[in-house]
Amino acid sequence: MSEITIHELEAAINFWRARSPSSGDELVLCKEASALSKPYALMIVQRQHTLSPDRLDGFARLAWDSYVRLNNSL
């Protein structure tokens, strides 16, 4: 699989946020958006433009793969 751009990762986070909006008084992100937000934040802080999918942890990788699969079926 090719590198994930920061824009693609942001799109995936927004996809999950639209599919499962924040909830509660604290406006907690859904688990998929939360898992993807960590590598997204690191990319911003480290000024990276791309990320290898292999660098995503287990649940973030699952959220990414599910996003790609669902987005391709639209």
Protein backbone atom coordinates (compact mmCIF):
# COMPACT_ATOMS: atom_id res chain seq x y z
CA MET A 1 0.00 0.00 0.00
CA SER A 2 1.21 3.49 -0.77
CA GLU A 3 1.98 6.20 1.74
CA ILE A 4 -0.92 7.97 3.45
CA THR A 5 -0.88 11.74 3.00
CA ILE A 6 -1.82 14.07 5.81
CA HIS A 7 -4.83 15.16 3.74
CA GLU A 8 -6.00 11.56 3.33
CA LEU A 9 -5.64 10.96 7.06
CA GLU A 10 -7.63 14.12 7.79
CA ALA A 11 -10.32 12.95 5.35
CA ALA A 12 -10.50 9.60 7.14
CA ILE A 13 -10.91 11.33 10.51
CA ASN A 14 -13.68 13.53 9.09
CA PHE A 15 -15.34 10.47 7.52
CA TRP A 16 -15.51 8.74 10.91
CA ARG A 17 -16.64 11.96 12.64
CA ALA A 18 -19.52 12.31 10.14
CA ARG A 19 -20.44 8.66 10.49
CA SER A 20 -20.30 8.71 14.29
CA PRO A 21 -20.43 12.29 15.66
CA SER A 22 -18.81 13.29 18.94
CA SER A 23 -20.89 12.46 21.96
CA GLY A 24 -21.43 13.46 25.56
CA ASP A 25 -20.77 16.74 27.31
CA GLU A 26 -17.05 16.21 26.65
CA LEU A 27 -17.66 15.72 22.88
CA VAL A 28 -15.63 12.51 22.81
CA LEU A 29 -14.50 11.34 19.37
CA CYS A 30 -15.58 7.92 18.17
CA LYS A 31 -12.91 5.24 18.60
CA GLU A 32 -11.94 5.25 14.89
CA ALA A 33 -11.44 9.03 14.70
CA SER A 34 -9.60 8.99 18.02
CA ALA A 35 -7.23 6.24 16.84
CA LEU A 36 -6.43 8.15 13.64
CA SER A 37 -6.07 11.50 15.40
CA LYS A 38 -2.90 10.41 17.20
CA PRO A 39 -0.79 9.72 14.08
CA TYR A 40 -2.36 12.82 12.48
CA ALA A 41 -1.18 14.99 15.38
CA LEU A 42 2.30 13.46 15.22
CA MET A 43 2.49 14.20 11.51
CA ILE A 44 1.66 17.85 12.20
CA VAL A 45 4.16 18.19 15.04
CA GLN A 46 6.91 16.41 13.09
CA ARG A 47 6.06 18.30 9.88
CA GLN A 48 5.58 15.10 7.92
CA HIS A 49 3.47 15.03 4.78
CA THR A 50 3.13 11.26 4.44
CA LEU A 51 3.00 8.22 6.67
CA SER A 52 3.50 4.54 5.92
CA PRO A 53 0.42 2.48 6.83
CA ASP A 54 2.81 0.10 8.61
CA ARG A 55 3.45 2.82 11.20
CA LEU A 56 -0.20 2.83 12.32
CA ASP A 57 -0.94 0.85 15.48
CA GLY A 58 -3.45 -2.00 15.41
CA PHE A 59 -6.71 -0.10 15.83
CA ALA A 60 -5.62 2.91 13.77
CA ARG A 61 -4.70 0.52 10.94
CA LEU A 62 -8.10 -1.16 11.22
CA ALA A 63 -9.85 2.25 11.15
CA TRP A 64 -7.78 3.29 8.11
CA ASP A 65 -8.41 0.04 6.22
CA SER A 66 -12.14 0.24 7.00
CA TYR A 67 -12.25 3.86 5.80
CA VAL A 68 -10.54 2.93 2.53
CA ARG A 69 -12.87 -0.02 1.97
CA LEU A 70 -16.04 1.94 2.80
CA ASN A 71 -14.94 5.03 0.88
CA ASN A 72 -14.18 2.96 -2.22
CA SER A 73 -17.64 1.40 -2.11
CA LEU A 74 -19.42 4.78 -2.20
